[in-house]
Amino acid sequence: MVMEGLGKSLRGVLDRISGSAAVDDNLIKDVCKELQRALLQADVNVQLVLRLTNTVRERALNEKPEAGKSSKQHVTRVIYEELVNLLKNGDPIALKPQTLLLVGLYGQGKTTTAGKLANYFIKKGFSVGLIGADVYRPAAYDQLKQLGDKIGAEVYGEPGQKDAVRIVRNGLERFSDKKIRIIDSSGRHALEDDLIREISDIAEAAKPQERILVLDSQVGQQAGPQAAAFNEAVGVTGVILTKMDGTAKGGGALSAVATTNARIVFLGTGEHIRDLEQFDADRFISRLLGMGDLAGLVEIAREEMEDAGDIEELARKMTSGKFTLNDMYVQMNAVRKMGALKKLVNLLPGMSKMEDKIDFDASQAKLDRYRVIMDSMTVAEKDEPSIIKGKRIERIAVGAGVETAEVRDLLRQYQNSRKMMSSVSKDRKMRKRMQKQFEGMDPETLKGLKNGEVDE
């Protein structure tokens, strides 16, 4: 998971709230201290941390919970909202025909990101052309060509040509029939005058709808000044932060860029060509706090499965709080088909608590055992898991060929997921935030989430 350490710390804060006897001044004080510790360890700027925790303290103590909501639910929602506010800074890249220009310094992952971005749009159904306009790094074109061949994107370049603008013009003409055209520009060791001139000339020739700065998240809080400098020089419209999977400085980079009003559009989350995640503050924080990312799950399901109807139906049930072991069975099957459990587990509400219990190398075997256990249950038991006790647990264990402890472990996981989803479904404000995650889904699914499938 991206920023796994921060996620665990934040979920620990929420556990502290849910496990408390009452919400009072001492609890809020302790919670704010734990929040500060978690955010500072993630390299978030000290002043931002103090501002956020002061706001959390003020709202938690002085705002009244909504009707029917407990003080604990209120504090949890305040933390969620303030973390989202810290990072929220713009809309995602539109899914429409367009030209995108990638800019950045050497060593930031720009060429690899060009390939990932092309793969992202191909998965969305667009034809893509990649233009290699890095005229300084000898291996740049070859690297881009390898990436293009891997994902089925055509690549244009002119090895040996030193006029980047000419390459771009010719490439755009060559790819006039492509819906998406991505330009991989040259880098430098610093934001020098000749780099600014070259990027400006390319932008003038290409007239890109997006000028995207690619930044290595390992620079931490220095990502903010770099983003601001590039924005002032060439008018950056978006930022992609790379290597978000392997750095403790990801929080610093994210928060620093967000506060410069530079729009974060994607996160690079690994070395695989698919490891590019569209950034959405609501969904990102929801995952960090263990509340899941149902829209993200549906997106992956659509890309990897022939029929995502089951998973969309499951998503509707999750947001409505209606969730049985039958639904959990569908959930497990979907995860099994889509693979990469370590990445997918955080898309499911309540599942992040299993991170420390799961041996991800043996994840397939564990999913298979869970499925066998559920296959040993009756229809009534899967529809109403609360009846599974005593003799029923023993019978199910014998039928599945497992210990009774494994049956109980499955039931505990089901209760954790159900509790989390029930909490969200009863909190109208939080539920609406989660429903916003589904913008871009098909109209019928979105209609079901907003209307008939959700109890008011």
Protein backbone atom coordinates (compact mmCIF):
# COMPACT_ATOMS: atom_id res chain seq x y z
CA MET A 1 0.00 0.00 0.00
CA VAL A 2 1.11 3.57 -0.68
CA MET A 3 2.28 5.15 2.60
CA GLU A 4 1.56 1.96 4.51
CA GLY A 5 3.22 3.24 7.69
CA LEU A 6 1.08 6.37 7.82
CA GLY A 7 -2.06 4.33 7.14
CA LYS A 8 -1.36 2.02 10.08
CA SER A 9 -0.69 4.97 12.38
CA LEU A 10 -3.88 6.76 11.35
CA ARG A 11 -5.95 3.62 11.79
CA GLY A 12 -4.41 3.31 15.25
CA VAL A 13 -5.73 6.80 16.02
CA LEU A 14 -9.24 5.78 14.96
CA ASP A 15 -9.02 2.59 17.03
CA ARG A 16 -8.10 4.75 20.03
CA ILE A 17 -11.27 6.78 19.47
CA SER A 18 -13.56 3.77 18.99
CA GLY A 19 -12.11 2.01 22.03
CA SER A 20 -12.46 4.96 24.39
CA ALA A 21 -15.06 5.10 27.13
CA ALA A 22 -16.05 8.68 26.30
CA VAL A 23 -15.00 11.64 24.16
CA ASP A 24 -13.58 14.35 26.40
CA ASP A 25 -10.80 16.96 26.46
CA ASN A 26 -8.16 14.42 27.47
CA LEU A 27 -9.05 12.02 24.66
CA ILE A 28 -9.00 14.79 22.02
CA LYS A 29 -5.66 16.01 23.35
CA ASP A 30 -4.17 12.52 23.13
CA VAL A 31 -5.67 11.90 19.67
CA CYS A 32 -4.19 15.15 18.35
CA LYS A 33 -0.77 14.21 19.72
CA GLU A 34 -0.97 10.82 17.99
CA LEU A 35 -2.06 12.53 14.77
CA GLN A 36 0.89 14.88 15.00
CA ARG A 37 3.30 12.01 15.55
CA ALA A 38 1.90 10.04 12.59
CA LEU A 39 2.01 12.98 10.17
CA LEU A 40 5.46 14.17 11.21
CA GLN A 41 6.84 10.66 10.75
CA ALA A 42 5.40 10.78 7.22
CA ASP A 43 7.45 13.97 6.61
CA VAL A 44 4.49 16.36 6.53
CA ASN A 45 5.51 19.95 7.24
CA VAL A 46 5.39 20.89 10.94
CA GLN A 47 3.30 24.02 10.39
CA LEU A 48 0.76 22.09 8.33
CA VAL A 49 0.55 19.42 11.02
CA LEU A 50 -0.04 22.00 13.76
CA ARG A 51 -2.66 23.77 11.69
CA LEU A 52 -4.49 20.52 10.95
CA THR A 53 -4.48 19.24 14.53
CA ASN A 54 -5.56 22.62 15.90
CA THR A 55 -8.52 22.55 13.53
CA VAL A 56 -9.34 18.97 14.50
CA ARG A 57 -9.22 19.90 18.20
CA GLU A 58 -11.41 22.97 17.68
CA ARG A 59 -14.04 21.13 15.63
CA ALA A 60 -14.05 18.00 17.78
CA LEU A 61 -14.68 19.96 20.98
CA ASN A 62 -16.97 22.72 19.72
CA GLU A 63 -19.02 21.30 16.85
CA LYS A 64 -22.11 19.33 17.77
CA PRO A 65 -22.49 15.87 16.21
CA GLU A 66 -25.20 15.55 13.60
CA ALA A 67 -28.53 14.20 14.80
CA GLY A 68 -28.31 10.52 15.55
CA LYS A 69 -24.50 10.43 15.45
CA SER A 70 -22.26 9.68 18.38
CA SER A 71 -19.36 11.85 19.54
CA LYS A 72 -16.95 9.13 18.39
CA GLN A 73 -18.41 9.15 14.88
CA HIS A 74 -18.18 12.93 14.86
CA VAL A 75 -14.47 12.98 15.78
CA THR A 76 -13.67 10.30 13.19
CA ARG A 77 -15.42 12.28 10.47
CA VAL A 78 -13.64 15.50 11.46
CA ILE A 79 -10.25 13.78 11.13
CA TYR A 80 -11.27 12.37 7.74
CA GLU A 81 -12.45 15.73 6.43
CA GLU A 82 -9.41 17.68 7.60
CA LEU A 83 -6.99 15.16 6.08
CA VAL A 84 -8.89 15.42 2.79
CA ASN A 85 -8.77 19.22 2.98
CA LEU A 86 -5.00 19.04 3.46
CA LEU A 87 -4.52 17.25 0.13
CA LYS A 88 -7.50 18.23 -2.01
CA ASN A 89 -6.39 20.59 -4.76
CA GLY A 90 -8.06 20.01 -8.10
CA ASP A 91 -9.90 17.78 -10.54
CA PRO A 92 -8.45 14.66 -12.21
CA ILE A 93 -7.28 14.61 -15.82
CA ALA A 94 -10.30 14.46 -18.08
CA LEU A 95 -10.97 11.31 -20.07
CA LYS A 96 -11.12 13.00 -23.46
CA PRO A 97 -8.92 13.32 -26.58
CA GLN A 98 -5.94 15.50 -25.73
CA THR A 99 -2.19 16.12 -25.90
CA LEU A 100 -0.11 15.82 -22.74
CA LEU A 101 3.42 17.17 -22.28
CA LEU A 102 5.55 15.59 -19.54
CA VAL A 103 8.31 17.74 -18.05
CA GLY A 104 10.80 17.30 -15.23
CA LEU A 105 14.41 16.94 -14.17
CA TYR A 106 16.67 13.92 -14.76
CA GLY A 107 16.03 10.83 -12.65
CA GLN A 108 12.42 11.57 -11.74
CA GLY A 109 10.92 8.67 -13.70
CA LYS A 110 9.53 10.73 -16.57
CA THR A 111 9.94 8.21 -19.42
CA THR A 112 8.62 5.32 -17.33
CA THR A 113 5.68 7.52 -16.31
CA ALA A 114 4.97 8.28 -19.99
CA GLY A 115 4.57 4.53 -20.56
CA LYS A 116 2.37 4.13 -17.48
CA LEU A 117 0.20 7.06 -18.54
CA ALA A 118 -0.18 5.59 -22.02
CA ASN A 119 -1.23 2.27 -20.48
CA TYR A 120 -3.77 4.08 -18.28
CA PHE A 121 -5.47 5.69 -21.28
CA ILE A 122 -5.34 2.48 -23.34
CA LYS A 123 -7.16 0.70 -20.52
CA LYS A 124 -9.79 3.43 -20.71
CA GLY A 125 -10.33 2.68 -24.40
CA PHE A 126 -8.25 5.44 -26.04
CA SER A 127 -5.77 5.09 -28.88
CA VAL A 128 -2.39 6.46 -27.75
CA GLY A 129 0.73 7.74 -29.46
CA LEU A 130 4.00 8.32 -27.57
CA ILE A 131 6.44 10.97 -28.82
CA GLY A 132 10.06 10.67 -27.68
CA ALA A 133 11.36 14.25 -27.57
CA ASP A 134 14.27 13.72 -25.16
CA VAL A 135 17.20 14.62 -27.42
CA TYR A 136 19.87 14.51 -24.70
CA ARG A 137 19.59 11.11 -23.03
CA PRO A 138 20.80 8.49 -25.56
CA ALA A 139 18.68 5.62 -24.26
CA ALA A 140 15.46 7.62 -23.86
CA TYR A 141 13.93 6.66 -27.21
CA ASP A 142 14.84 2.97 -26.84
CA GLN A 143 13.31 2.90 -23.34
CA LEU A 144 10.12 4.55 -24.58
CA LYS A 145 9.95 2.15 -27.53
CA GLN A 146 10.24 -0.86 -25.23
CA LEU A 147 7.45 0.48 -23.05
CA GLY A 148 5.26 1.21 -26.07
CA ASP A 149 5.76 -2.28 -27.48
CA LYS A 150 4.85 -3.77 -24.11
CA ILE A 151 1.47 -2.02 -23.91
CA GLY A 152 0.61 -1.75 -27.61
CA ALA A 153 1.20 1.99 -28.01
CA GLU A 154 2.90 3.33 -31.12
CA VAL A 155 6.05 5.36 -30.47
CA TYR A 156 7.53 8.11 -32.64
CA GLY A 157 11.06 9.40 -32.36
CA GLU A 158 14.03 10.50 -34.44
CA PRO A 159 17.20 9.07 -32.88
CA GLY A 160 20.12 11.43 -33.50
CA GLN A 161 17.90 14.46 -34.14
CA LYS A 162 18.72 17.35 -31.77
CA ASP A 163 15.75 19.57 -32.56
CA ALA A 164 13.09 18.56 -30.01
CA VAL A 165 10.47 20.90 -31.46
CA ARG A 166 10.86 19.35 -34.90
CA ILE A 167 10.41 15.86 -33.44
CA VAL A 168 7.26 16.98 -31.65
CA ARG A 169 5.76 18.59 -34.77
CA ASN A 170 6.46 15.49 -36.86
CA GLY A 171 5.18 13.23 -34.11
CA LEU A 172 1.92 15.11 -33.77
CA GLU A 173 1.40 14.92 -37.52
CA ARG A 174 2.14 11.19 -37.45
CA PHE A 175 -0.33 10.66 -34.62
CA SER A 176 -3.08 12.94 -35.90
CA ASP A 177 -5.45 9.97 -35.73
CA LYS A 178 -4.66 9.17 -32.08
CA LYS A 179 -7.02 10.25 -29.31
CA ILE A 180 -4.20 10.68 -26.79
CA ARG A 181 -0.74 12.00 -27.62
CA ILE A 182 1.91 11.99 -24.90
CA ILE A 183 5.19 13.90 -25.29
CA ASP A 184 8.23 12.77 -23.27
CA SER A 185 10.50 15.84 -23.11
CA SER A 186 14.16 16.23 -22.13
CA GLY A 187 15.30 16.74 -18.54
CA ARG A 188 18.18 18.50 -16.84
CA HIS A 189 19.93 18.28 -13.49
CA ALA A 190 18.35 21.62 -12.55
CA LEU A 191 15.69 23.99 -13.87
CA GLU A 192 18.03 25.82 -16.25
CA ASP A 193 17.25 28.55 -18.78
CA ASP A 194 17.76 26.29 -21.82
CA LEU A 195 15.35 23.70 -20.37
CA ILE A 196 12.72 26.39 -19.83
CA ARG A 197 13.16 27.64 -23.41
CA GLU A 198 12.91 24.14 -24.85
CA ILE A 199 9.78 23.26 -22.88
CA SER A 200 8.21 26.60 -23.79
CA ASP A 201 8.97 26.06 -27.50
CA ILE A 202 7.53 22.53 -27.40
CA ALA A 203 4.43 23.82 -25.64
CA GLU A 204 4.00 26.54 -28.24
CA ALA A 205 4.25 23.98 -31.04
CA ALA A 206 2.10 21.26 -29.44
CA LYS A 207 -0.43 23.40 -27.54
CA PRO A 208 -0.95 20.58 -25.01
CA GLN A 209 -4.08 20.51 -22.87
CA GLU A 210 -1.96 19.30 -19.93
CA ARG A 211 1.61 20.20 -18.95
CA ILE A 212 2.49 17.61 -16.34
CA LEU A 213 5.48 17.80 -14.01
CA VAL A 214 6.91 14.42 -12.98
CA LEU A 215 8.48 14.54 -9.51
CA ASP A 216 10.25 11.89 -7.43
CA SER A 217 8.42 11.77 -4.07
CA GLN A 218 11.71 10.96 -2.30
CA VAL A 219 12.51 14.68 -2.38
CA GLY A 220 9.85 15.04 0.32
CA GLN A 221 8.94 18.58 1.29
CA GLN A 222 11.24 19.95 -1.45
CA ALA A 223 8.64 18.78 -3.97
CA GLY A 224 6.65 21.91 -3.15
CA PRO A 225 9.33 24.45 -4.14
CA GLN A 226 10.19 22.42 -7.26
CA ALA A 227 6.56 22.31 -8.34
CA ALA A 228 6.20 26.05 -7.72
CA ALA A 229 9.37 26.81 -9.73
CA PHE A 230 8.30 24.72 -12.73
CA ASN A 231 4.81 26.18 -12.56
CA GLU A 232 6.16 29.72 -12.64
CA ALA A 233 8.51 28.87 -15.50
CA VAL A 234 6.30 26.87 -17.86
CA GLY A 235 2.76 26.90 -16.48
CA VAL A 236 2.40 23.38 -15.07
CA THR A 237 -1.21 22.12 -14.98
CA GLY A 238 -0.63 18.91 -13.03
CA VAL A 239 1.92 16.90 -11.05
CA ILE A 240 2.66 13.17 -10.99
CA LEU A 241 4.55 11.97 -7.91
CA THR A 242 6.62 8.85 -8.57
CA LYS A 243 8.00 6.16 -6.22
CA MET A 244 5.22 6.66 -3.70
CA ASP A 245 5.47 2.98 -2.73
CA GLY A 246 8.99 3.02 -1.33
CA THR A 247 9.60 6.26 0.53
CA ALA A 248 8.90 7.62 4.00
CA LYS A 249 8.81 11.10 2.47
CA GLY A 250 5.61 10.56 0.49
CA GLY A 251 3.52 12.56 2.95
CA GLY A 252 5.91 15.48 2.68
CA ALA A 253 5.82 15.44 -1.11
CA LEU A 254 2.03 15.09 -1.28
CA SER A 255 1.24 17.83 1.22
CA ALA A 256 3.95 20.19 -0.07
CA VAL A 257 2.76 19.98 -3.67
CA ALA A 258 -0.89 20.29 -2.67
CA THR A 259 -0.29 23.48 -0.72
CA THR A 260 1.37 25.16 -3.73
CA ASN A 261 -1.97 24.78 -5.55
CA ALA A 262 -0.21 22.55 -8.06
CA ARG A 263 -2.78 19.93 -8.96
CA ILE A 264 -1.73 16.35 -8.17
CA VAL A 265 -3.15 14.05 -10.85
CA PHE A 266 -1.41 10.67 -10.44
CA LEU A 267 0.82 8.71 -8.08
CA GLY A 268 3.44 6.24 -9.27
CA THR A 269 3.03 3.29 -6.90
CA GLY A 270 5.52 0.69 -8.16
CA GLU A 271 7.74 -0.54 -10.95
CA HIS A 272 5.04 -2.37 -12.92
CA ILE A 273 3.55 -0.63 -15.97
CA ARG A 274 0.14 -0.74 -14.23
CA ASP A 275 1.39 0.96 -11.09
CA LEU A 276 -0.05 4.41 -11.77
CA GLU A 277 -2.91 5.53 -9.54
CA GLN A 278 -5.21 8.43 -10.28
CA PHE A 279 -5.05 10.74 -7.30
CA ASP A 280 -8.27 11.64 -5.52
CA ALA A 281 -7.95 13.06 -2.02
CA ASP A 282 -11.25 11.59 -0.76
CA ARG A 283 -10.43 8.11 -2.01
CA PHE A 284 -6.80 8.29 -0.92
CA ILE A 285 -7.63 9.27 2.67
CA SER A 286 -10.49 6.77 2.79
CA ARG A 287 -8.01 3.99 2.04
CA LEU A 288 -5.45 5.26 4.55
CA LEU A 289 -8.11 5.21 7.27
CA GLY A 290 -9.23 1.68 6.36
CA MET A 291 -12.56 2.78 4.88
CA GLY A 292 -11.77 1.35 1.46
CA ASP A 293 -11.99 2.68 -2.08
CA LEU A 294 -14.97 1.04 -3.72
CA ALA A 295 -14.72 3.05 -6.94
CA GLY A 296 -11.09 2.00 -7.30
CA LEU A 297 -12.13 -1.63 -6.86
CA VAL A 298 -14.80 -1.29 -9.55
CA GLU A 299 -12.31 0.36 -11.92
CA ILE A 300 -9.87 -2.52 -11.54
CA ALA A 301 -12.69 -5.03 -11.90
CA ARG A 302 -13.76 -3.45 -15.18
CA GLU A 303 -10.25 -3.64 -16.54
CA GLU A 304 -9.46 -7.17 -15.40
CA MET A 305 -12.82 -8.98 -15.52
CA GLU A 306 -15.14 -9.61 -18.44
CA ASP A 307 -18.23 -8.83 -16.37
CA ALA A 308 -17.97 -6.40 -13.46
CA GLY A 309 -21.69 -6.56 -12.73
CA ASP A 310 -21.23 -8.56 -9.54
CA ILE A 311 -18.65 -6.19 -8.13
CA GLU A 312 -20.82 -3.16 -8.94
CA GLU A 313 -23.75 -4.79 -7.14
CA LEU A 314 -21.40 -5.48 -4.23
CA ALA A 315 -20.34 -1.82 -4.21
CA ARG A 316 -23.98 -0.73 -3.94
CA LYS A 317 -24.48 -3.04 -0.97
CA MET A 318 -21.34 -1.77 0.71
CA THR A 319 -22.50 1.85 0.60
CA SER A 320 -26.00 0.90 1.77
CA GLY A 321 -24.72 -1.15 4.71
CA LYS A 322 -26.36 -4.36 3.39
CA PHE A 323 -23.65 -7.01 3.42
CA THR A 324 -23.84 -10.78 3.93
CA LEU A 325 -21.39 -13.65 3.70
CA ASN A 326 -22.70 -14.23 0.17
CA ASP A 327 -21.47 -10.74 -0.66
CA MET A 328 -18.16 -11.46 1.02
CA TYR A 329 -17.88 -14.54 -1.18
CA VAL A 330 -18.28 -12.33 -4.26
CA GLN A 331 -15.72 -9.95 -2.76
CA MET A 332 -13.19 -12.76 -2.28
CA ASN A 333 -13.76 -14.10 -5.80
CA ALA A 334 -13.24 -10.65 -7.31
CA VAL A 335 -10.00 -10.13 -5.42
CA ARG A 336 -8.83 -13.61 -6.42
CA LYS A 337 -9.44 -12.90 -10.11
CA MET A 338 -7.84 -9.46 -10.03
CA GLY A 339 -4.70 -10.57 -8.16
CA ALA A 340 -2.22 -8.38 -6.24
CA LEU A 341 -3.99 -8.85 -2.89
CA LYS A 342 -1.55 -6.56 -1.08
CA LYS A 343 -2.63 -3.71 -3.35
CA LEU A 344 -6.33 -4.57 -3.47
CA VAL A 345 -6.85 -5.29 0.23
CA ASN A 346 -6.93 -1.58 1.06
CA LEU A 347 -9.72 -0.96 -1.45
CA LEU A 348 -12.10 -2.98 0.71
CA PRO A 349 -13.65 -1.36 3.80
CA GLY A 350 -12.32 -2.92 6.99
CA MET A 351 -9.82 -5.20 5.21
CA SER A 352 -6.78 -3.05 6.04
CA LYS A 353 -6.88 -4.47 9.56
CA MET A 354 -5.88 -7.83 8.09
CA GLU A 355 -2.54 -6.52 6.79
CA ASP A 356 -0.54 -7.77 9.75
CA LYS A 357 -2.32 -11.11 9.74
CA ILE A 358 -1.92 -11.92 6.05
CA ASP A 359 1.11 -13.65 4.60
CA PHE A 360 0.80 -12.07 1.18
CA ASP A 361 3.02 -14.73 -0.40
CA ALA A 362 0.41 -17.27 0.63
CA SER A 363 -2.60 -15.00 0.00
CA GLN A 364 -4.05 -17.16 -2.77
CA ALA A 365 -4.13 -20.19 -0.49
CA LYS A 366 -5.86 -18.23 2.26
CA LEU A 367 -8.53 -16.93 -0.12
CA ASP A 368 -9.09 -20.47 -1.35
CA ARG A 369 -9.52 -21.72 2.23
CA TYR A 370 -12.05 -18.98 2.97
CA ARG A 371 -13.99 -19.96 -0.14
CA VAL A 372 -13.97 -23.62 0.89
CA ILE A 373 -15.23 -22.65 4.36
CA MET A 374 -18.08 -20.65 2.85
CA ASP A 375 -18.86 -23.51 0.45
CA SER A 376 -19.47 -25.63 3.56
CA MET A 377 -22.14 -23.24 4.82
CA THR A 378 -25.83 -23.45 4.05
CA VAL A 379 -27.63 -20.72 2.11
CA ALA A 380 -29.32 -19.62 5.33
CA GLU A 381 -25.99 -19.34 7.14
CA LYS A 382 -24.47 -17.19 4.41
CA ASP A 383 -27.55 -14.99 4.31
CA GLU A 384 -27.66 -14.63 8.11
CA PRO A 385 -24.15 -15.21 9.55
CA SER A 386 -25.29 -14.39 13.09
CA ILE A 387 -26.75 -17.91 13.39
CA ILE A 388 -23.32 -19.50 12.91
CA LYS A 389 -22.37 -20.60 16.41
CA GLY A 390 -21.26 -23.67 18.38
CA LYS A 391 -22.26 -26.85 16.55
CA ARG A 392 -22.62 -25.03 13.24
CA ILE A 393 -19.00 -23.83 13.44
CA GLU A 394 -17.86 -27.40 14.17
CA ARG A 395 -19.90 -28.78 11.25
CA ILE A 396 -18.58 -26.16 8.85
CA ALA A 397 -14.99 -26.79 9.94
CA VAL A 398 -15.36 -30.55 9.41
CA GLY A 399 -16.96 -30.02 6.00
CA ALA A 400 -14.18 -27.65 4.93
CA GLY A 401 -11.38 -29.72 6.41
CA VAL A 402 -10.12 -26.87 8.59
CA GLU A 403 -9.84 -26.04 12.29
CA THR A 404 -12.73 -24.28 14.00
CA ALA A 405 -10.36 -21.37 14.67
CA GLU A 406 -10.21 -20.67 10.91
CA VAL A 407 -14.00 -20.54 10.70
CA ARG A 408 -14.05 -18.08 13.59
CA ASP A 409 -11.30 -16.04 11.93
CA LEU A 410 -13.41 -15.74 8.78
CA LEU A 411 -16.46 -14.71 10.83
CA ARG A 412 -14.41 -12.06 12.67
CA GLN A 413 -13.23 -10.63 9.35
CA TYR A 414 -16.79 -10.55 8.10
CA GLN A 415 -17.93 -8.69 11.23
CA ASN A 416 -15.09 -6.15 10.86
CA SER A 417 -16.07 -5.42 7.26
CA ARG A 418 -19.77 -5.27 8.08
CA LYS A 419 -19.18 -2.96 11.06
CA MET A 420 -17.13 -0.55 8.98
CA MET A 421 -19.68 -0.45 6.16
CA SER A 422 -22.58 -0.08 8.58
CA SER A 423 -20.85 2.88 10.22
CA VAL A 424 -20.38 4.58 6.87
CA SER A 425 -23.93 3.90 5.71
CA LYS A 426 -25.37 5.46 8.89
CA ASP A 427 -23.24 8.59 8.59
CA ARG A 428 -24.95 10.58 5.84
CA LYS A 429 -22.15 13.06 5.33
CA MET A 430 -19.48 10.39 5.18
CA ARG A 431 -21.64 8.25 2.91
CA LYS A 432 -22.09 11.10 0.46
CA ARG A 433 -18.32 11.54 0.34
CA MET A 434 -17.92 7.86 -0.52
CA GLN A 435 -20.66 8.07 -3.13
CA LYS A 436 -18.73 10.87 -4.82
CA GLN A 437 -15.99 8.33 -5.42
CA PHE A 438 -18.26 6.75 -8.00
CA GLU A 439 -18.37 9.77 -10.32
CA GLY A 440 -17.52 8.46 -13.74
CA MET A 441 -19.21 5.12 -13.21
CA ASP A 442 -22.06 4.15 -15.51
CA PRO A 443 -25.31 6.08 -14.88
CA GLU A 444 -27.31 3.06 -13.71
CA THR A 445 -24.77 2.13 -11.04
CA LEU A 446 -24.48 5.70 -9.84
CA LYS A 447 -28.28 6.05 -9.79
CA GLY A 448 -28.55 2.94 -7.63
CA LEU A 449 -26.02 4.30 -5.17
CA LYS A 450 -27.74 7.64 -4.82
CA ASN A 451 -31.33 6.44 -4.80
CA GLY A 452 -32.97 3.09 -4.27
CA GLU A 453 -30.01 1.17 -2.85
CA VAL A 454 -29.24 3.63 -0.09
CA ASP A 455 -31.53 4.00 2.89
CA GLU A 456 -31.91 7.53 4.16
